[in-house]
Amino acid sequence: MRRGYEWAPANLKQTQNIAFFPAQALLNWLGSLFTKPNNPLPALLMSLSFGAASIFAFHALASRVLATRDAGFAAALFAFWPASSFFIMGYPTGLISLCIIGALGAHVRGQYWRSALWCGLGSAAAPTVMFVVAASYLDRGITLLRQGITARRSLHLALWVLLCASGLLSFMIYQRIRFHDALAFNAAQSAWGKAPGLSQRLHRFEDWHWYIQQAQSERQEIAHGLALWRQDHLLPGMTGIEAGVQRWVSSLSMTLVTVGLAAASFGLWRRAAILPFAGWCVFVGYMWFIFTTSQHLLCVPRLLSPAIALFLGFGLLAGRLPGIVGSAMLLLALLTSALEPPSSQAAIGLSKKPGPALSSQ
């Protein structure tokens, strides 16, 4: 990224850096001005700082909507969720989490313009934030309808949503000026697989065979990797086993996310409806992303961690279920955290591609 963005429409099958959003890269570049070139320390320190700040910010938000004990458990689960392992890898995961938590916290407090500023920064870090913007916009739009629509209120709402999306809009304007294509980042997604037609995407949403296939592929990949390992093909065997384990982690995490969001929906709908609503919007956005590519379920713990209501949901469950159940949930998070770090295959040299653009988290 030190040379800036590059975009070659003729090379759609090759990974290009225009697919990744600019906020973290810009911050890393600013940090590098004070160190030697190619020094990874600024990126790592920023990633860790944003991650640590997001944990404290989440605890503050949880304490506002949950009982003290429940908030503590929810914060512990957030801190030990597999995505937190990326806080020390230079990924923008911590920045994205901090922006979403800051935005939703401000929204809950009624500080809508502050929420818009957080969303604006976050929309320059990852497309995931736009699903939170959509949820916030719908929530405010419904409130506007109840209060009565006036020209002044409509103008305020329009300006507010523009500020929420300012990071993404700025990125698109940059692409338009430099590459004459405001959606170059979207076209670059084809490097990770050809998008199926709309009807096929919709069908995959309700095709339960596809979900069963995900579970079967985990067992098949692990078995294939073990077979290669026994034949002394160590690296291919290890890669196959690791891929199978990661799919298992994704399936387990998907189950936990669904349970957590459901619990949050029942427990927080009257107190802070925006939190579970935004979580479900992120969830649907992730599923749509998966179905618009040829990808399987992947990177679920990291890409769905912005659905922060899932942790609040488990905080609620921990306060109502026996202590052993709450402890079991935390242990599951620790287990998946232990298995998740190798999924950053680029970090251990096993992958030629860094993952889809949504995983720029």
Protein backbone atom coordinates (compact mmCIF):
# COMPACT_ATOMS: atom_id res chain seq x y z
CA MET A 1 0.00 0.00 0.00
CA ARG A 2 3.01 2.35 0.20
CA ARG A 3 2.72 2.79 -3.60
CA GLY A 4 -1.01 3.49 -3.38
CA TYR A 5 -3.89 1.64 -4.94
CA GLU A 6 -3.54 -0.25 -8.21
CA TRP A 7 -6.33 -1.40 -10.51
CA ALA A 8 -6.06 -3.34 -13.77
CA PRO A 9 -9.52 -4.32 -15.10
CA ALA A 10 -7.90 -6.81 -17.49
CA ASN A 11 -6.56 -8.84 -14.53
CA LEU A 12 -9.81 -9.59 -12.73
CA LYS A 13 -8.66 -13.08 -11.77
CA GLN A 14 -5.69 -11.70 -9.85
CA THR A 15 -5.89 -10.24 -6.35
CA GLN A 16 -5.60 -6.44 -6.45
CA ASN A 17 -5.29 -4.11 -3.48
CA ILE A 18 -8.21 -1.92 -4.61
CA ALA A 19 -10.45 -4.64 -3.13
CA PHE A 20 -9.41 -3.56 0.37
CA PHE A 21 -10.73 -0.49 2.15
CA PRO A 22 -8.31 2.36 3.00
CA ALA A 23 -8.75 3.41 6.65
CA GLN A 24 -6.32 0.99 8.28
CA ALA A 25 -3.81 1.36 5.44
CA LEU A 26 -3.83 5.15 5.79
CA LEU A 27 -3.30 4.93 9.54
CA ASN A 28 -0.49 2.43 9.03
CA TRP A 29 1.12 4.79 6.51
CA LEU A 30 0.96 7.67 8.98
CA GLY A 31 2.58 5.48 11.61
CA SER A 32 5.32 4.45 9.20
CA LEU A 33 6.39 8.09 8.79
CA PHE A 34 7.99 7.85 12.23
CA THR A 35 9.81 4.55 11.67
CA LYS A 36 11.97 2.85 9.09
CA PRO A 37 10.32 1.68 5.83
CA ASN A 38 8.64 -1.74 5.99
CA ASN A 39 8.72 -1.74 9.79
CA PRO A 40 5.64 -3.76 10.87
CA LEU A 41 5.57 -2.27 14.37
CA PRO A 42 3.26 0.72 13.64
CA ALA A 43 0.61 -1.50 12.05
CA LEU A 44 0.79 -4.00 14.91
CA LEU A 45 0.64 -1.32 17.61
CA MET A 46 -2.32 0.40 15.97
CA SER A 47 -4.16 -2.88 15.51
CA LEU A 48 -3.55 -3.82 19.15
CA SER A 49 -4.54 -0.35 20.40
CA PHE A 50 -7.82 -0.36 18.47
CA GLY A 51 -8.55 -3.89 19.64
CA ALA A 52 -7.93 -3.06 23.30
CA ALA A 53 -10.01 0.11 23.02
CA SER A 54 -12.86 -1.86 21.45
CA ILE A 55 -12.92 -4.24 24.45
CA PHE A 56 -13.25 -1.35 26.93
CA ALA A 57 -15.84 0.35 24.71
CA PHE A 58 -17.84 -2.85 24.46
CA HIS A 59 -17.84 -3.30 28.23
CA ALA A 60 -19.12 0.27 28.62
CA LEU A 61 -21.93 -0.42 26.14
CA ALA A 62 -22.78 -3.77 27.75
CA SER A 63 -22.90 -2.14 31.20
CA ARG A 64 -25.48 0.31 29.89
CA VAL A 65 -27.95 -2.34 28.66
CA LEU A 66 -27.18 -5.36 30.88
CA ALA A 67 -26.82 -6.13 34.56
CA THR A 68 -23.28 -5.82 35.93
CA ARG A 69 -22.55 -9.56 36.01
CA ASP A 70 -24.08 -10.15 32.58
CA ALA A 71 -22.09 -7.25 31.12
CA GLY A 72 -18.86 -8.68 32.53
CA PHE A 73 -19.53 -12.06 30.97
CA ALA A 74 -20.46 -10.51 27.61
CA ALA A 75 -17.24 -8.44 27.64
CA ALA A 76 -15.17 -11.52 28.50
CA LEU A 77 -16.73 -13.43 25.62
CA PHE A 78 -16.05 -10.52 23.27
CA ALA A 79 -12.42 -10.33 24.43
CA PHE A 80 -11.83 -14.06 23.98
CA TRP A 81 -13.84 -14.47 20.78
CA PRO A 82 -11.63 -15.79 17.92
CA ALA A 83 -11.66 -12.44 16.13
CA SER A 84 -9.61 -10.93 18.96
CA SER A 85 -6.62 -12.97 17.79
CA PHE A 86 -6.47 -10.58 14.82
CA PHE A 87 -5.95 -7.60 17.11
CA ILE A 88 -2.23 -8.40 17.06
CA MET A 89 -1.93 -9.19 13.34
CA GLY A 90 -2.16 -5.73 11.81
CA TYR A 91 -5.71 -6.38 10.57
CA PRO A 92 -8.36 -3.61 10.79
CA THR A 93 -10.53 -5.91 12.95
CA GLY A 94 -10.01 -3.77 16.06
CA LEU A 95 -10.71 -0.52 14.20
CA ILE A 96 -13.92 -1.92 12.70
CA SER A 97 -15.10 -3.22 16.07
CA LEU A 98 -14.33 0.10 17.77
CA CYS A 99 -16.22 2.08 15.11
CA ILE A 100 -19.29 -0.17 15.27
CA ILE A 101 -19.36 -0.22 19.07
CA GLY A 102 -18.87 3.55 19.18
CA ALA A 103 -21.63 4.09 16.61
CA LEU A 104 -24.16 1.81 18.29
CA GLY A 105 -23.32 3.11 21.75
CA ALA A 106 -23.90 6.69 20.59
CA HIS A 107 -27.13 5.64 18.88
CA VAL A 108 -28.42 4.03 22.08
CA ARG A 109 -27.62 7.25 23.99
CA GLY A 110 -29.42 9.34 21.36
CA GLN A 111 -26.19 10.99 20.17
CA TYR A 112 -26.97 10.47 16.50
CA TRP A 113 -24.41 12.81 14.95
CA ARG A 114 -21.64 11.22 17.00
CA SER A 115 -22.91 7.86 15.80
CA ALA A 116 -22.69 9.13 12.22
CA LEU A 117 -19.05 10.16 12.72
CA TRP A 118 -18.17 6.67 13.97
CA CYS A 119 -20.01 5.11 11.02
CA GLY A 120 -18.26 7.44 8.58
CA LEU A 121 -14.85 6.37 9.83
CA GLY A 122 -15.90 2.72 9.90
CA SER A 123 -17.28 2.83 6.36
CA ALA A 124 -13.75 3.63 5.19
CA ALA A 125 -12.47 0.54 7.01
CA ALA A 126 -14.82 -2.21 5.80
CA PRO A 127 -18.10 -2.67 3.91
CA THR A 128 -19.51 -4.47 6.96
CA VAL A 129 -20.14 -1.11 8.62
CA MET A 130 -22.65 -0.22 5.91
CA PHE A 131 -25.00 -2.91 7.22
CA VAL A 132 -24.90 -1.16 10.60
CA VAL A 133 -25.58 2.12 8.79
CA ALA A 134 -28.59 0.52 7.09
CA ALA A 135 -29.97 -0.66 10.44
CA SER A 136 -29.44 2.76 12.03
CA TYR A 137 -31.05 4.51 9.05
CA LEU A 138 -34.14 2.30 9.20
CA ASP A 139 -34.40 2.81 12.95
CA ARG A 140 -34.22 6.58 12.58
CA GLY A 141 -36.56 6.52 9.59
CA ILE A 142 -39.22 4.67 11.60
CA THR A 143 -38.83 7.21 14.40
CA LEU A 144 -39.26 10.01 11.87
CA LEU A 145 -42.48 8.47 10.56
CA ARG A 146 -43.85 8.25 14.09
CA GLN A 147 -42.96 11.86 14.89
CA GLY A 148 -44.29 13.16 11.61
CA ILE A 149 -42.34 13.93 8.46
CA THR A 150 -41.27 17.54 7.94
CA ALA A 151 -38.85 19.07 5.45
CA ARG A 152 -36.41 19.94 8.24
CA ARG A 153 -36.40 16.44 9.72
CA SER A 154 -36.07 14.84 6.29
CA LEU A 155 -33.09 17.07 5.46
CA HIS A 156 -31.43 16.23 8.77
CA LEU A 157 -31.90 12.51 8.11
CA ALA A 158 -30.46 12.80 4.59
CA LEU A 159 -27.40 14.71 5.83
CA TRP A 160 -27.00 12.25 8.69
CA VAL A 161 -26.94 9.19 6.42
CA LEU A 162 -24.48 10.91 4.07
CA LEU A 163 -22.15 11.47 7.01
CA CYS A 164 -22.61 7.82 8.02
CA ALA A 165 -21.46 6.69 4.58
CA SER A 166 -18.84 9.42 4.08
CA GLY A 167 -15.89 7.04 4.29
CA LEU A 168 -17.24 4.73 1.60
CA LEU A 169 -18.37 7.66 -0.57
CA SER A 170 -14.91 9.25 -0.34
CA PHE A 171 -13.33 5.94 -1.35
CA MET A 172 -15.69 5.70 -4.34
CA ILE A 173 -14.95 9.29 -5.42
CA TYR A 174 -11.22 8.53 -5.23
CA GLN A 175 -11.70 5.48 -7.46
CA ARG A 176 -13.79 7.47 -9.92
CA ILE A 177 -11.12 10.16 -10.23
CA ARG A 178 -8.14 7.83 -10.43
CA PHE A 179 -9.52 4.77 -12.22
CA HIS A 180 -12.70 6.17 -13.82
CA ASP A 181 -14.67 3.48 -12.03
CA ALA A 182 -16.29 4.26 -8.68
CA LEU A 183 -17.00 0.56 -8.11
CA ALA A 184 -13.56 -0.82 -8.94
CA PHE A 185 -13.33 -2.30 -5.43
CA ASN A 186 -16.49 -4.29 -6.13
CA ALA A 187 -15.30 -5.55 -9.52
CA ALA A 188 -12.07 -6.72 -7.87
CA GLN A 189 -14.07 -9.24 -5.83
CA SER A 190 -14.14 -11.57 -8.85
CA ALA A 191 -10.59 -12.62 -7.94
CA TRP A 192 -12.18 -14.74 -5.17
CA GLY A 193 -14.70 -16.50 -7.37
CA LYS A 194 -17.32 -15.78 -9.99
CA ALA A 195 -20.61 -14.50 -8.59
CA PRO A 196 -23.61 -16.72 -9.39
CA GLY A 197 -26.82 -15.26 -10.78
CA LEU A 198 -29.36 -13.55 -8.53
CA SER A 199 -31.83 -16.44 -8.65
CA GLN A 200 -29.10 -18.90 -7.67
CA ARG A 201 -28.05 -16.72 -4.73
CA LEU A 202 -31.62 -16.53 -3.46
CA HIS A 203 -32.01 -20.29 -3.84
CA ARG A 204 -28.89 -20.94 -1.77
CA PHE A 205 -30.40 -18.96 1.09
CA GLU A 206 -33.12 -21.57 1.59
CA ASP A 207 -31.33 -24.65 0.22
CA TRP A 208 -30.70 -26.74 3.35
CA HIS A 209 -28.64 -29.22 1.31
CA TRP A 210 -26.00 -26.48 0.90
CA TYR A 211 -25.67 -26.08 4.67
CA ILE A 212 -25.35 -29.85 5.16
CA GLN A 213 -22.67 -29.88 2.48
CA GLN A 214 -20.66 -27.38 4.53
CA ALA A 215 -20.62 -29.78 7.49
CA GLN A 216 -19.70 -32.77 5.32
CA SER A 217 -16.84 -30.91 3.65
CA GLU A 218 -15.18 -30.39 7.05
CA ARG A 219 -14.94 -34.13 7.68
CA GLN A 220 -13.85 -34.84 4.10
CA GLU A 221 -11.05 -32.27 4.14
CA ILE A 222 -9.70 -33.46 7.49
CA ALA A 223 -9.81 -37.09 6.32
CA HIS A 224 -8.05 -36.19 3.07
CA GLY A 225 -5.41 -34.19 4.94
CA LEU A 226 -4.75 -37.08 7.33
CA ALA A 227 -4.38 -39.46 4.38
CA LEU A 228 -1.80 -37.19 2.78
CA TRP A 229 0.00 -36.84 6.11
CA ARG A 230 0.28 -40.61 6.48
CA GLN A 231 1.78 -40.74 2.98
CA ASP A 232 4.49 -38.29 4.11
CA HIS A 233 3.01 -35.40 2.12
CA LEU A 234 3.37 -33.24 5.20
CA LEU A 235 2.65 -29.72 3.93
CA PRO A 236 -0.39 -30.65 1.76
CA GLY A 237 -1.63 -32.84 4.60
CA MET A 238 -1.26 -30.09 7.18
CA THR A 239 -2.97 -27.61 4.85
CA GLY A 240 -5.90 -29.98 4.29
CA ILE A 241 -6.33 -30.66 8.02
CA GLU A 242 -6.12 -26.95 8.79
CA ALA A 243 -8.75 -26.14 6.14
CA GLY A 244 -11.11 -28.77 7.56
CA VAL A 245 -10.65 -27.51 11.12
CA GLN A 246 -11.30 -23.94 10.00
CA ARG A 247 -14.55 -24.98 8.35
CA TRP A 248 -15.54 -26.73 11.56
CA VAL A 249 -14.76 -23.56 13.51
CA SER A 250 -16.86 -21.54 11.05
CA SER A 251 -19.83 -23.91 11.39
CA LEU A 252 -19.59 -23.86 15.19
CA SER A 253 -19.26 -20.09 15.21
CA MET A 254 -22.27 -19.71 12.91
CA THR A 255 -24.35 -21.70 15.39
CA LEU A 256 -23.13 -19.57 18.31
CA VAL A 257 -23.80 -16.35 16.40
CA THR A 258 -27.37 -17.40 15.62
CA VAL A 259 -28.06 -18.36 19.25
CA GLY A 260 -26.50 -15.15 20.59
CA LEU A 261 -28.45 -12.90 18.21
CA ALA A 262 -31.70 -14.72 18.98
CA ALA A 263 -31.13 -14.26 22.73
CA ALA A 264 -30.32 -10.58 22.23
CA SER A 265 -33.46 -10.13 20.15
CA PHE A 266 -35.67 -11.42 22.95
CA GLY A 267 -33.80 -9.68 25.76
CA LEU A 268 -32.99 -6.28 24.26
CA TRP A 269 -35.79 -5.55 21.82
CA ARG A 270 -37.53 -3.09 24.15
CA ARG A 271 -34.42 -1.66 25.80
CA ALA A 272 -32.15 -1.15 22.80
CA ALA A 273 -33.71 -2.62 19.66
CA ILE A 274 -31.00 -1.14 17.43
CA LEU A 275 -28.40 -3.56 18.84
CA PRO A 276 -29.98 -6.89 17.79
CA PHE A 277 -31.37 -5.29 14.62
CA ALA A 278 -27.90 -4.16 13.55
CA GLY A 279 -26.55 -7.61 14.44
CA TRP A 280 -29.05 -9.33 12.17
CA CYS A 281 -28.27 -6.87 9.37
CA VAL A 282 -24.57 -7.78 9.62
CA PHE A 283 -25.52 -11.47 9.65
CA VAL A 284 -27.67 -11.18 6.51
CA GLY A 285 -24.98 -9.08 4.84
CA TYR A 286 -22.37 -11.76 5.52
CA MET A 287 -24.62 -14.51 4.12
CA TRP A 288 -25.35 -12.45 1.03
CA PHE A 289 -21.62 -11.89 0.52
CA ILE A 290 -20.95 -15.62 0.75
CA PHE A 291 -23.71 -16.38 -1.71
CA THR A 292 -22.50 -13.78 -4.19
CA THR A 293 -19.21 -15.63 -4.56
CA SER A 294 -18.23 -19.24 -5.02
CA GLN A 295 -16.99 -19.34 -1.42
CA HIS A 296 -17.99 -21.71 1.35
CA LEU A 297 -18.67 -20.41 4.84
CA LEU A 298 -15.35 -18.88 5.83
CA CYS A 299 -13.83 -16.64 8.49
CA VAL A 300 -17.15 -16.63 10.36
CA PRO A 301 -15.69 -15.68 13.79
CA ARG A 302 -13.95 -12.62 12.36
CA LEU A 303 -16.43 -11.47 9.74
CA LEU A 304 -19.43 -11.79 12.06
CA SER A 305 -17.78 -10.31 15.15
CA PRO A 306 -19.22 -6.88 14.18
CA ALA A 307 -22.64 -8.36 15.04
CA ILE A 308 -21.84 -7.37 18.63
CA ALA A 309 -25.35 -8.14 19.88
CA LEU A 310 -24.41 -11.82 19.84
CA PHE A 311 -22.13 -11.25 22.85
CA LEU A 312 -24.84 -9.30 24.64
CA GLY A 313 -27.19 -12.21 23.98
CA PHE A 314 -24.84 -14.65 25.66
CA GLY A 315 -24.44 -12.19 28.51
CA LEU A 316 -28.21 -12.37 29.01
CA LEU A 317 -28.14 -16.18 28.84
CA ALA A 318 -25.30 -16.34 31.37
CA GLY A 319 -27.46 -14.43 33.84
CA ARG A 320 -30.41 -16.76 33.43
CA LEU A 321 -28.84 -20.19 32.98
CA PRO A 322 -26.77 -22.24 35.45
CA GLY A 323 -23.18 -21.07 35.82
CA ILE A 324 -21.86 -24.21 34.16
CA VAL A 325 -23.70 -23.31 30.93
CA GLY A 326 -22.19 -19.83 30.86
CA SER A 327 -18.75 -21.27 31.54
CA ALA A 328 -19.25 -23.76 28.70
CA MET A 329 -19.95 -20.89 26.27
CA LEU A 330 -16.78 -19.10 27.33
CA LEU A 331 -14.77 -22.32 26.98
CA LEU A 332 -16.16 -22.79 23.46
CA ALA A 333 -14.99 -19.29 22.59
CA LEU A 334 -11.54 -20.07 24.00
CA LEU A 335 -11.43 -23.31 22.01
CA THR A 336 -12.34 -21.65 18.74
CA SER A 337 -9.89 -18.84 19.50
CA ALA A 338 -7.13 -21.42 19.88
CA LEU A 339 -8.05 -22.93 16.52
CA GLU A 340 -8.67 -19.68 14.65
CA PRO A 341 -5.23 -17.98 14.39
CA PRO A 342 -3.90 -20.46 11.79
CA SER A 343 -6.72 -19.34 9.49
CA SER A 344 -4.56 -16.37 8.69
CA GLN A 345 -2.81 -18.62 6.22
CA ALA A 346 -0.89 -15.76 4.74
CA ALA A 347 0.86 -15.39 8.09
CA ILE A 348 2.28 -18.90 7.88
CA GLY A 349 2.86 -18.96 4.14
CA LEU A 350 0.19 -21.48 3.18
CA SER A 351 -2.01 -19.27 1.04
CA LYS A 352 -1.45 -17.36 -2.17
CA LYS A 353 -4.42 -15.09 -1.55
CA PRO A 354 -5.19 -13.09 1.57
CA GLY A 355 -8.93 -13.74 1.53
CA PRO A 356 -11.95 -11.92 0.17
CA ALA A 357 -12.33 -8.20 0.51
CA LEU A 358 -15.01 -8.47 3.15
CA SER A 359 -12.34 -10.24 5.18
CA SER A 360 -10.25 -7.08 5.04
CA GLN A 361 -11.42 -6.99 8.62
